[in-house]
Each structure stands twice: as C-alpha cells, then as structure tokens.
C-alpha cells in the first residue's frame, strides 16, 4: 500500500495487500510457460502516479515487458475511481477475475467497505465491472486476494481490515464474485499484519504477509484453508530490505524454484525486491541482485499469475510492447542511463522525471545498421559524443552530428549476454560510464577489465 506506517499504526490503522499464485481447477491442465503481472504505478515526485490496472508479461517471472506503453488497460468508474493492489485469479473455468482496493491516491485514513471487481476471459477485455461490499465495519478493505477452497466448493476473498485496534486478515466466501458471504476473521497473530498472499504446493497452504512487529515478510503454513488455521505461527525467519511490504510468492513454471517479491515503500516509490528459494517449505530465502531481475517501470504492489505461451502472445498482440527502452548498467545494476541537464549519465532508479531514462532506439542516423538513442521526452534530441562526453543534443542535420550520434551494438564486453555500444565514427571507442557520467573511451591498458564492465549494459524496459 506504500504507507506512512508509523503514522497509521499510531492511529490504529495499517495496510493490507494480497496476491495469489498457484491456480486451481481445469486450467491447471494447461502448460504454463509465462506470467502476467498486474500493478498500478507511482514515482517519487508523483509524475507516474496512475491508479488504473497495468499489465506486463514475462517468460521467466523476472524480466518484464510492460504492455500498452505502461499505460492502464482498465480503470474503475465507481467508488474512488482508482485502484491499488490489483489481484488476478484464474478461476476454475479458466477465465480470470480481477480484484483491487478501492482507493485512488494515498489517503489511507479513508474507510471503505468495498473492493473493485472485473471479469475477463483473457485479460484482453474486461467486463462486468462492479464493486463488492465486504463488511459493515468502519474501516478499510485493503488489497483483496482470492483463492479456491476445494473443501468448501467456494472461493475465499481475503483482505486487511482494522476492527478492534489492529489490522488482521478477514475472509468472505463466494461462488461467483457477485454475491459474497459475511466477513470472518481469517488470520490474527496478535499484532498488526498486512499484505496476505496465498500459495499452494504439494497439498500445503502457505500464507505470506508483512509483520509490523519487526517490518519483515514472513510465511506461515497450514494443511487446511480454514479461518484461523494459520495462526499457529511462522516457519520462516523473515526477510527485509528497507521498508518492505506486499509479498508475492512466484513458482517457476518448469521446476522447483520460487521467487518472493516485495514492494519497497521507503525510501522510494516504484521499486521491487526479489528473494529466491529452492524449497518453499524451508527457511531459505536469499536475495537476488538488481542484475538478476528487471521490473516494469514504476510498478507498485503487483500481482503475478502464470499463463500459457498463447496467452502471452495474445496479450502482446492486443496491448503491444513499449516503443521505448530503458538501459541498465552491468556493474551498477540499480542504475539506468538517463539525461540530466543535457548530460548523459547513470542514476539509481527510481527517480523523476522518470521519462529522462526512456529512449527510442532508432536506426543509426549515419548508418541504419547501427542505432541512435532518441530521447522520449525532449523532441528531436539524441545522445551524441562531444569531446568524448555523451550529451543530449538537437539533431542539426549535419553528417558530423549523425556520425557522433550513431553506435553499433556488440556482445557485452564484460558479459556476452548483455550489450556494449561501439562508436560509429571512432570505432575503437565504446560507450562507458565514469564517475556516473557517460563518455566514449578506447578500452585498453591495465584498467581494461574494469572498463569493460563500465561499458556493458542491458537493453530492457
């Protein structure tokens, strides 16, 4: 939910979010080879704040392609007319339901008994928009998640509400996501918790959540999905990275490997962290570096659901991949190439204006076999080298400018799976960063190994 936590807890309020992975029912017969992520967006200076449903796709669950130019594909039309904490569930019939918190912006003191809900056959169209009333308490209904309870033959919708001075998880049961039963207490360990996410593996039910007792993400487990069956305690020691919340448990489609996502609410907006485990039943989460995953731009409190190759292709066909790229440094993987005051440099993400880091990689101005970096937010401007420094400048139409602004992609000088860029008119020179500023240099001599790392980048979104 990205809250001012100390303030909210002092007033007896907290946030809850939810995400379910582990689809159930006939759809499980399909072979999943990719993932879809749903999210909303925020950035440090609020330039990217958009409280509609955004989508991205991934083949490995770690490297994401935003859809629809990272614009929303659905936006609520009732209640607050905005959403946070979306959740995508594949239902028993193979179609999808989308749930979300009914909240636009960051007024976390506002009571709301409703959640948003859409139906979708394929995440390419969204129909039947409605709001579901979950309870009659004078509190919030934050970040709903749903799961199939085979023993009941119904879906459970869990969410965070504050009734009696602290946040706990409540559940309502439904057969159709239109009529819901009364609220029941689902999980209350005796202290504030938020952001419940359910995961099923080998007949064991896992509940991950954010604990306010120490700010960590924890996991609990139960052999049933009955309310209060998880209250016996945790089986993990908890993970943390700064101010962290909104856990998501993602299983690799083709092997026993899991990823635990967490959303950072402090110090920055729009930043996710990831941990890895080879055994969901063990206390063994280890952090990934920023070089090992690449999130959608400005994504907040996401949900992830496995999909088939056909579904992934259809989503890309319907919504399209971005017309721009973002470029990550190899040896400083938390930074991306941007322009600031017309100087090209690398800076740690996230920042505003975030559009300073978006580039159209167009055919080279001097050689169509090369590439030129066209700014997205400064019309007619490109990166060029001038006195060996890279600057953002307007195309003056000269051959000199075209040559200075053209580069050729090569296999990454430090890692062939990444990319390096060779100057067109100074072919022994490559783009590299030095003191966070970009320039071109011949990479030779005693410092060549370190220089090659400075000259290696990843093209992504």
Protein backbone atom coordinates (compact mmCIF):
# COMPACT_ATOMS: atom_id res chain seq x y z
CA UNK A 1 0.00 0.00 0.00
CA UNK A 2 3.06 2.32 0.32
CA UNK A 3 2.00 4.00 3.54
CA UNK A 4 3.41 6.30 6.15
CA UNK A 5 3.44 3.34 8.51
CA UNK A 6 4.31 4.90 11.83
CA UNK A 7 1.55 7.46 11.44
CA UNK A 8 -1.05 4.86 10.54
CA UNK A 9 -0.10 2.45 13.26
CA UNK A 10 -0.26 5.21 15.82
CA UNK A 11 -3.87 5.75 14.81
CA UNK A 12 -4.61 2.04 14.80
CA UNK A 13 -4.61 1.72 11.01
CA UNK A 14 -2.41 -0.29 8.64
CA UNK A 15 -2.43 -1.51 5.07
CA UNK A 16 -3.01 -4.93 3.62
CA UNK A 17 -2.37 -6.33 0.21
CA UNK A 18 -2.76 -9.63 -1.46
CA UNK A 19 -1.61 -11.71 -4.37
CA UNK A 20 -2.35 -15.34 -5.21
CA UNK A 21 -0.20 -17.68 -7.24
CA UNK A 22 -0.99 -21.32 -7.70
CA UNK A 23 -4.07 -21.56 -9.93
CA UNK A 24 -6.53 -24.36 -9.35
CA UNK A 25 -9.09 -26.27 -11.37
CA UNK A 26 -9.32 -27.34 -15.02
CA UNK A 27 -6.95 -24.59 -16.11
CA UNK A 28 -4.14 -26.47 -14.43
CA UNK A 29 -4.20 -28.93 -17.32
CA UNK A 30 -2.67 -26.18 -19.46
CA UNK A 31 1.10 -25.85 -19.75
CA UNK A 32 2.17 -22.54 -18.31
CA UNK A 33 5.31 -21.03 -19.80
CA UNK A 34 4.99 -17.37 -18.83
CA UNK A 35 3.50 -14.91 -16.39
CA UNK A 36 1.33 -11.82 -16.35
CA UNK A 37 1.78 -9.08 -13.77
CA UNK A 38 -0.88 -6.58 -12.75
CA UNK A 39 0.07 -3.37 -10.92
CA UNK A 40 -0.52 0.35 -10.51
CA UNK A 41 2.23 2.99 -10.82
CA UNK A 42 3.79 5.64 -8.61
CA UNK A 43 7.06 7.57 -8.71
CA UNK A 44 8.91 9.71 -6.15
CA UNK A 45 7.52 13.08 -7.31
CA UNK A 46 4.15 11.61 -8.31
CA UNK A 47 4.74 12.12 -12.04
CA UNK A 48 3.93 8.46 -12.74
CA UNK A 49 1.02 8.13 -10.28
CA UNK A 50 -1.72 6.22 -12.09
CA UNK A 51 -4.33 4.20 -10.24
CA UNK A 52 -5.58 2.02 -13.06
CA UNK A 53 -4.80 -1.63 -13.85
CA UNK A 54 -1.47 -2.02 -15.68
CA UNK A 55 -0.18 -5.28 -17.19
CA UNK A 56 3.24 -6.72 -18.01
CA UNK A 57 4.34 -10.15 -19.26
CA UNK A 58 7.41 -12.29 -18.64
CA UNK A 59 8.72 -15.67 -19.74
CA UNK A 60 10.83 -16.32 -16.63
CA UNK A 61 8.98 -14.35 -13.95
CA UNK A 62 11.94 -12.00 -13.51
CA UNK A 63 12.32 -9.91 -16.70
CA UNK A 64 9.16 -7.97 -17.53
CA UNK A 65 7.74 -6.30 -20.65
CA UNK A 66 5.13 -3.63 -19.83
CA UNK A 67 2.07 -3.64 -22.06
CA UNK A 68 0.13 -0.72 -23.56
CA UNK A 69 3.20 1.60 -23.24
CA UNK A 70 2.93 1.11 -19.45
CA UNK A 71 -0.49 2.78 -19.51
CA UNK A 72 -3.57 1.29 -17.79
CA UNK A 73 -5.75 -1.27 -19.56
CA UNK A 74 -8.73 -0.80 -17.21
CA UNK A 75 -9.74 1.93 -14.77
CA UNK A 76 -12.53 1.85 -12.16
CA UNK A 77 -15.58 4.00 -12.89
CA UNK A 78 -17.19 3.97 -9.44
CA UNK A 79 -16.18 4.47 -5.82
CA UNK A 80 -12.93 6.44 -5.67
CA UNK A 81 -12.43 5.76 -9.41
CA UNK A 82 -8.96 4.46 -8.72
CA UNK A 83 -7.35 1.23 -7.60
CA UNK A 84 -4.38 -0.01 -5.64
CA UNK A 85 -3.09 -3.53 -5.06
CA UNK A 86 -4.71 -5.36 -8.00
CA UNK A 87 -5.04 -9.14 -7.90
CA UNK A 88 -5.53 -11.56 -10.82
CA UNK A 89 -7.04 -15.01 -10.24
CA UNK A 90 -7.55 -17.71 -12.83
CA UNK A 91 -10.90 -19.23 -11.89
CA UNK A 92 -11.97 -22.86 -12.05
CA UNK A 93 -13.34 -22.39 -15.59
CA UNK A 94 -10.03 -20.97 -16.86
CA UNK A 95 -11.23 -17.37 -17.10
CA UNK A 96 -9.99 -14.57 -14.88
CA UNK A 97 -11.33 -12.30 -12.18
CA UNK A 98 -9.56 -9.10 -11.17
CA UNK A 99 -9.94 -7.64 -7.68
CA UNK A 100 -8.43 -4.45 -6.27
CA UNK A 101 -8.51 -1.99 -3.41
CA UNK A 102 -10.98 0.85 -4.00
CA UNK A 103 -8.58 3.73 -3.38
CA UNK A 104 -7.03 6.37 -5.58
CA UNK A 105 -4.05 8.23 -4.21
CA UNK A 106 -2.65 7.87 -0.71
CA UNK A 107 -5.35 8.84 1.77
CA UNK A 108 -5.02 5.71 3.90
CA UNK A 109 -7.26 7.09 6.66
CA UNK A 110 -10.36 6.77 4.49
CA UNK A 111 -12.80 3.96 5.46
CA UNK A 112 -14.17 1.90 2.57
CA UNK A 113 -16.18 -1.33 2.76
CA UNK A 114 -15.91 -2.10 -0.97
CA UNK A 115 -13.46 -3.59 -3.45
CA UNK A 116 -13.33 -3.34 -7.25
CA UNK A 117 -14.07 -6.39 -9.40
CA UNK A 118 -13.89 -7.23 -13.13
CA UNK A 119 -14.39 -10.39 -15.17
CA UNK A 120 -12.11 -11.23 -18.09
CA UNK A 121 -11.92 -14.21 -20.42
CA UNK A 122 -8.32 -13.49 -21.44
CA UNK A 123 -7.06 -10.21 -19.86
CA UNK A 124 -7.56 -8.56 -23.24
CA UNK A 125 -11.08 -7.39 -22.39
CA UNK A 126 -12.59 -6.53 -19.01
CA UNK A 127 -16.32 -6.74 -18.43
CA UNK A 128 -18.93 -6.78 -15.68
CA UNK A 129 -17.23 -4.09 -13.63
CA UNK A 130 -18.73 -3.86 -10.15
CA UNK A 131 -17.89 -3.15 -6.54
CA UNK A 132 -18.33 -5.81 -3.87
CA UNK A 133 -19.26 -4.84 -0.32
CA UNK A 134 -17.18 -7.00 2.02
CA UNK A 135 -18.27 -5.91 5.52
CA UNK A 136 -20.06 -3.24 7.55
CA UNK A 137 -17.12 -2.22 9.75
CA UNK A 138 -15.98 1.41 9.86
CA UNK A 139 -12.59 0.56 8.39
CA UNK A 140 -10.73 -0.08 5.16
CA UNK A 141 -10.82 -3.10 2.84
CA UNK A 142 -7.28 -3.24 1.53
CA UNK A 143 -5.66 -5.33 -1.18
CA UNK A 144 -8.01 -8.28 -1.67
CA UNK A 145 -6.84 -11.70 -2.83
CA UNK A 146 -8.89 -14.74 -3.74
CA UNK A 147 -8.25 -18.49 -3.61
CA UNK A 148 -10.22 -21.63 -4.43
CA UNK A 149 -11.21 -23.64 -1.36
CA UNK A 150 -11.97 -27.11 -2.76
CA UNK A 151 -13.29 -28.37 0.59
CA UNK A 152 -15.97 -25.66 0.57
CA UNK A 153 -16.50 -25.59 -3.18
CA UNK A 154 -16.18 -21.80 -2.99
CA UNK A 155 -13.67 -19.03 -3.42
CA UNK A 156 -12.33 -17.18 -0.42
CA UNK A 157 -11.61 -13.45 -0.68
CA UNK A 158 -9.13 -12.28 1.95
CA UNK A 159 -8.20 -8.68 2.74
CA UNK A 160 -6.99 -6.46 5.56
CA UNK A 161 -9.39 -4.63 7.87
CA UNK A 162 -8.94 -2.98 11.22
CA UNK A 163 -11.58 -3.98 13.76
CA UNK A 164 -10.60 -3.52 17.36
CA UNK A 165 -7.35 -1.59 17.09
CA UNK A 166 -5.14 -3.64 14.80
CA UNK A 167 -5.06 -4.93 11.24
CA UNK A 168 -5.87 -8.58 10.64
CA UNK A 169 -6.98 -10.59 7.64
CA UNK A 170 -10.67 -11.30 7.02
CA UNK A 171 -12.30 -13.69 4.56
CA UNK A 172 -15.61 -13.75 2.68
CA UNK A 173 -16.71 -16.78 0.66
CA UNK A 174 -18.32 -16.59 -2.76
CA UNK A 175 -19.25 -18.86 -5.66
CA UNK A 176 -19.46 -16.18 -8.35
CA UNK A 177 -17.71 -12.98 -7.18
CA UNK A 178 -21.07 -11.26 -7.21
CA UNK A 179 -22.74 -12.44 -4.02
CA UNK A 180 -20.39 -12.74 -1.06
CA UNK A 181 -20.94 -14.16 2.41
CA UNK A 182 -20.32 -12.36 5.67
CA UNK A 183 -16.83 -11.45 6.84
CA UNK A 184 -14.95 -13.90 9.08
CA UNK A 185 -11.63 -13.43 10.85
CA UNK A 186 -9.03 -15.38 8.86
CA UNK A 187 -5.63 -14.58 10.40
CA UNK A 188 -4.77 -12.62 13.54
CA UNK A 189 -1.40 -13.37 15.18
CA UNK A 190 -1.90 -10.71 17.84
CA UNK A 191 -0.06 -7.85 16.13
CA UNK A 192 -0.61 -5.72 13.02
CA UNK A 193 -0.19 -7.59 9.75
CA UNK A 194 -0.87 -6.71 6.13
CA UNK A 195 -0.46 -7.92 2.56
CA UNK A 196 -1.52 -11.54 2.74
CA UNK A 197 -0.61 -13.74 -0.21
CA UNK A 198 -1.59 -17.40 -0.58
CA UNK A 199 0.40 -20.13 -2.30
CA UNK A 200 -0.43 -23.85 -2.64
CA UNK A 201 2.23 -26.53 -3.22
CA UNK A 202 2.04 -30.29 -2.73
CA UNK A 203 -1.11 -30.05 -0.64
CA UNK A 204 0.32 -27.48 1.78
CA UNK A 205 -1.14 -23.98 2.00
CA UNK A 206 1.31 -21.11 2.52
CA UNK A 207 0.37 -17.66 3.79
CA UNK A 208 2.96 -14.90 3.41
CA UNK A 209 2.46 -11.47 4.94
CA UNK A 210 4.06 -8.29 6.26
CA UNK A 211 4.54 -8.18 10.03
CA UNK A 212 4.54 -4.89 11.87
CA UNK A 213 6.27 -6.39 14.87
CA UNK A 214 9.61 -6.04 13.05
CA UNK A 215 8.84 -4.94 9.48
CA UNK A 216 9.74 -8.28 7.86
CA UNK A 217 7.97 -10.55 5.37
CA UNK A 218 7.05 -13.92 6.92
CA UNK A 219 5.50 -17.19 5.86
CA UNK A 220 3.02 -19.40 7.76
CA UNK A 221 1.53 -22.71 6.60
CA UNK A 222 -1.45 -24.94 7.19
CA UNK A 223 -2.81 -28.22 5.87
CA UNK A 224 -6.24 -26.58 5.53
CA UNK A 225 -7.64 -23.27 4.33
CA UNK A 226 -9.92 -22.90 7.34
CA UNK A 227 -10.05 -19.50 9.04
CA UNK A 228 -7.51 -19.18 11.88
CA UNK A 229 -5.70 -22.36 10.80
CA UNK A 230 -2.54 -20.35 10.02
CA UNK A 231 -2.38 -18.62 13.41
CA UNK A 232 -0.06 -21.24 14.89
CA UNK A 233 2.97 -19.15 13.88
CA UNK A 234 5.61 -18.71 11.21
CA UNK A 235 8.06 -21.18 9.74
CA UNK A 236 10.41 -18.54 8.31
CA UNK A 237 12.75 -16.08 9.99
CA UNK A 238 11.56 -13.25 7.78
CA UNK A 239 13.21 -11.15 5.07
CA UNK A 240 13.56 -7.39 4.87
CA UNK A 241 15.14 -4.72 2.64
CA UNK A 242 14.43 -1.22 3.91
CA UNK A 243 10.72 -0.53 4.17
CA UNK A 244 9.22 -3.64 2.57
CA UNK A 245 5.66 -4.95 2.13
CA UNK A 246 3.33 -6.68 -0.36
CA UNK A 247 4.92 -10.16 -0.66
CA UNK A 248 4.27 -12.27 -3.76
CA UNK A 249 5.28 -15.93 -3.99
CA UNK A 250 6.07 -16.98 -7.57
CA UNK A 251 6.89 -20.56 -8.53
CA UNK A 252 8.93 -21.25 -11.66
CA UNK A 253 6.66 -22.96 -14.16
CA UNK A 254 9.09 -25.76 -15.02
CA UNK A 255 10.99 -26.54 -11.82
CA UNK A 256 11.01 -26.33 -8.03
CA UNK A 257 12.28 -22.79 -7.68
CA UNK A 258 10.42 -19.92 -6.02
CA UNK A 259 10.75 -16.15 -6.03
CA UNK A 260 9.48 -13.92 -3.27
CA UNK A 261 8.73 -10.38 -4.41
CA UNK A 262 8.43 -7.46 -2.00
CA UNK A 263 7.42 -3.86 -2.66
CA UNK A 264 9.50 -1.01 -1.20
CA UNK A 265 7.54 1.83 0.39
CA UNK A 266 10.63 3.55 1.84
CA UNK A 267 12.73 5.35 0.82
CA UNK A 268 11.48 5.24 -2.78
CA UNK A 269 8.33 4.54 -4.79
CA UNK A 270 8.09 2.07 -7.64
CA UNK A 271 10.85 -0.31 -6.54
CA UNK A 272 10.57 -4.08 -6.07
CA UNK A 273 12.96 -6.52 -4.38
CA UNK A 274 13.21 -10.26 -5.00
CA UNK A 275 14.42 -13.27 -2.98
CA UNK A 276 14.94 -16.85 -4.22
CA UNK A 277 14.40 -20.30 -2.69
CA UNK A 278 14.80 -23.85 -3.94
CA UNK A 279 12.29 -25.14 -1.37
CA UNK A 280 9.12 -23.28 -0.44
CA UNK A 281 8.86 -25.43 2.68
CA UNK A 282 12.27 -24.42 4.01
CA UNK A 283 13.50 -21.26 5.70
CA UNK A 284 15.87 -20.44 2.85
CA UNK A 285 15.22 -17.15 1.07
CA UNK A 286 18.29 -15.45 -0.44
CA UNK A 287 18.22 -12.00 -2.12
CA UNK A 288 18.70 -11.50 -5.85
CA UNK A 289 20.75 -8.62 -7.18
CA UNK A 290 19.21 -5.99 -9.43
CA UNK A 291 21.11 -7.59 -12.31
CA UNK A 292 19.02 -10.75 -11.91
CA UNK A 293 15.56 -9.22 -12.41
CA UNK A 294 14.07 -6.24 -14.21
CA UNK A 295 10.70 -4.94 -13.08
CA UNK A 296 8.15 -2.88 -15.01
CA UNK A 297 8.75 0.85 -14.77
CA UNK A 298 7.27 2.39 -11.58
CA UNK A 299 5.32 -0.79 -10.74
CA UNK A 300 3.68 -0.86 -7.30
CA UNK A 301 2.15 -3.69 -5.23
CA UNK A 302 1.80 -6.15 -8.10
CA UNK A 303 0.09 -9.47 -8.62
CA UNK A 304 1.55 -12.29 -10.73
CA UNK A 305 -0.34 -15.14 -12.41
CA UNK A 306 1.05 -17.93 -14.65
CA UNK A 307 -0.14 -18.00 -18.26
CA UNK A 308 0.36 -20.09 -21.40
CA UNK A 309 2.57 -19.17 -24.35
CA UNK A 310 -0.56 -18.49 -26.42
CA UNK A 311 -1.98 -16.20 -23.75
CA UNK A 312 1.31 -14.32 -23.54
CA UNK A 313 1.45 -13.89 -27.32
CA UNK A 314 -2.18 -12.75 -27.38
CA UNK A 315 -1.55 -10.17 -24.65
CA UNK A 316 1.42 -8.78 -26.58
CA UNK A 317 -0.66 -8.71 -29.74
CA UNK A 318 -3.54 -6.92 -28.02
CA UNK A 319 -1.62 -4.36 -25.96
CA UNK A 320 1.82 -4.15 -27.62
CA UNK A 321 5.34 -3.87 -26.22
CA UNK A 322 6.76 -0.42 -25.39
CA UNK A 323 8.08 1.78 -28.20
CA UNK A 324 10.88 2.84 -25.84
CA UNK A 325 13.65 1.16 -23.87
CA UNK A 326 15.49 1.66 -20.60
CA UNK A 327 19.17 0.70 -20.35
CA UNK A 328 20.69 -0.76 -17.18
CA UNK A 329 24.35 -0.65 -16.15
CA UNK A 330 26.10 -4.03 -15.77
CA UNK A 331 28.23 -3.25 -12.73
CA UNK A 332 25.76 -0.81 -11.15
CA UNK A 333 22.55 -2.70 -11.91
CA UNK A 334 20.38 -0.44 -9.77
CA UNK A 335 21.16 2.42 -12.20
CA UNK A 336 19.90 3.26 -15.69
CA UNK A 337 21.08 5.59 -18.44
CA UNK A 338 19.33 8.95 -18.33
CA UNK A 339 19.87 12.55 -19.35
CA UNK A 340 20.02 15.37 -16.79
CA UNK A 341 20.74 18.96 -17.81
CA UNK A 342 21.59 17.56 -21.26
CA UNK A 343 24.35 15.38 -19.82
CA UNK A 344 24.14 11.58 -20.24
CA UNK A 345 24.74 9.67 -17.01
CA UNK A 346 23.63 6.68 -14.93
CA UNK A 347 21.48 7.17 -11.84
CA UNK A 348 19.80 4.85 -9.37
CA UNK A 349 16.19 4.05 -10.15
CA UNK A 350 13.59 5.24 -9.23
CA UNK A 351 13.70 8.99 -9.88
CA UNK A 352 11.71 11.73 -11.51
CA UNK A 353 11.36 12.79 -14.23
CA UNK A 354 11.37 9.05 -14.99
CA UNK A 355 10.97 9.86 -18.70
CA UNK A 356 14.61 11.05 -18.69
CA UNK A 357 15.53 7.34 -18.77
CA UNK A 358 13.33 6.36 -21.72
CA UNK A 359 14.94 6.05 -25.15
CA UNK A 360 13.78 5.17 -28.63
CA UNK A 361 16.49 3.00 -30.17
CA UNK A 362 16.10 4.09 -33.78
CA UNK A 363 18.16 3.15 -36.87
CA UNK A 364 21.51 4.93 -36.73
CA UNK A 365 21.44 8.43 -38.18
CA UNK A 366 24.69 7.75 -40.07
CA UNK A 367 24.22 4.01 -40.64
CA UNK A 368 20.88 2.22 -40.46
CA UNK A 369 22.75 -0.87 -39.33
CA UNK A 370 23.65 0.97 -36.16
CA UNK A 371 21.49 2.59 -33.52
CA UNK A 372 20.86 6.12 -32.28
CA UNK A 373 19.40 7.00 -28.87
CA UNK A 374 16.45 9.34 -29.33
CA UNK A 375 15.05 10.99 -26.21
CA UNK A 376 11.40 10.27 -25.45
CA UNK A 377 10.72 13.48 -23.54
CA UNK A 378 12.90 16.00 -25.42
CA UNK A 379 11.73 16.06 -29.02
CA UNK A 380 14.34 15.84 -31.77
CA UNK A 381 17.21 15.24 -29.34
CA UNK A 382 19.72 12.39 -29.41
CA UNK A 383 22.73 11.21 -27.47
CA UNK A 384 25.95 12.15 -29.24
CA UNK A 385 29.59 12.28 -28.23
CA UNK A 386 31.23 15.67 -27.97
CA UNK A 387 34.83 15.90 -26.76
CA UNK A 388 34.36 12.23 -25.82
CA UNK A 389 31.48 13.01 -23.44
CA UNK A 390 27.92 11.91 -24.20
CA UNK A 391 25.41 14.74 -24.26
CA UNK A 392 21.79 15.19 -25.28
CA UNK A 393 21.64 17.50 -28.29
CA UNK A 394 19.24 18.54 -31.04
CA UNK A 395 19.84 16.95 -34.44
CA UNK A 396 21.29 19.73 -36.61
CA UNK A 397 21.08 17.63 -39.76
CA UNK A 398 24.84 17.55 -40.36
CA UNK A 399 26.87 14.49 -41.17
CA UNK A 400 29.07 15.17 -38.18
CA UNK A 401 26.11 15.04 -35.82
CA UNK A 402 24.82 11.86 -37.45
CA UNK A 403 28.20 10.16 -37.03
CA UNK A 404 28.58 11.30 -33.43
CA UNK A 405 25.05 10.04 -32.62
CA UNK A 406 25.41 6.59 -34.19
CA UNK A 407 26.62 3.50 -32.35
CA UNK A 408 26.84 -0.22 -33.11
CA UNK A 409 25.63 -2.93 -30.76
CA UNK A 410 28.13 -5.62 -29.85
CA UNK A 411 28.11 -8.51 -27.41
CA UNK A 412 28.68 -7.18 -23.91
CA UNK A 413 32.38 -6.67 -23.28
CA UNK A 414 32.05 -7.97 -19.70
CA UNK A 415 29.19 -10.42 -20.33
CA UNK A 416 28.17 -11.62 -23.78
CA UNK A 417 24.56 -11.90 -22.62
CA UNK A 418 24.46 -8.13 -22.20
CA UNK A 419 25.24 -5.37 -24.75
CA UNK A 420 28.00 -2.87 -25.47
CA UNK A 421 27.90 0.08 -27.88
CA UNK A 422 30.78 0.97 -30.24
CA UNK A 423 31.08 4.46 -31.66
CA UNK A 424 30.38 4.70 -35.41
CA UNK A 425 32.97 7.35 -36.28
CA UNK A 426 35.51 6.39 -33.61
CA UNK A 427 35.27 2.61 -33.98
CA UNK A 428 37.85 1.74 -31.31
CA UNK A 429 35.81 3.67 -28.71
CA UNK A 430 32.86 2.36 -26.68
CA UNK A 431 30.21 4.00 -24.50
CA UNK A 432 31.08 3.61 -20.83
CA UNK A 433 30.31 5.33 -17.55
CA UNK A 434 32.97 7.05 -15.49
CA UNK A 435 32.01 8.82 -12.28
CA UNK A 436 28.37 8.11 -13.28
CA UNK A 437 28.78 10.23 -16.42
CA UNK A 438 28.72 8.62 -19.89
CA UNK A 439 31.58 9.06 -22.35
CA UNK A 440 33.36 7.10 -25.06
CA UNK A 441 36.81 5.64 -24.47
CA UNK A 442 39.18 3.11 -26.03
CA UNK A 443 39.08 0.22 -23.56
CA UNK A 444 42.66 -0.94 -23.26
CA UNK A 445 45.51 -0.98 -20.81
CA UNK A 446 45.79 -2.01 -17.18
CA UNK A 447 42.24 -0.92 -16.32
CA UNK A 448 40.62 -2.66 -19.30
CA UNK A 449 38.78 -5.32 -17.25
CA UNK A 450 37.06 -2.73 -15.07
CA UNK A 451 36.46 -0.50 -18.09
CA UNK A 452 34.73 -3.34 -19.92
CA UNK A 453 32.27 -3.65 -17.03
CA UNK A 454 31.65 0.11 -17.25
CA UNK A 455 30.91 -0.37 -20.96
CA UNK A 456 28.37 -3.19 -20.60
CA UNK A 457 24.63 -2.61 -20.44
CA UNK A 458 21.25 -4.34 -20.64
CA UNK A 459 18.54 -3.13 -23.02
CA UNK A 460 15.16 -3.56 -21.38
CA UNK A 461 12.01 -1.69 -20.42
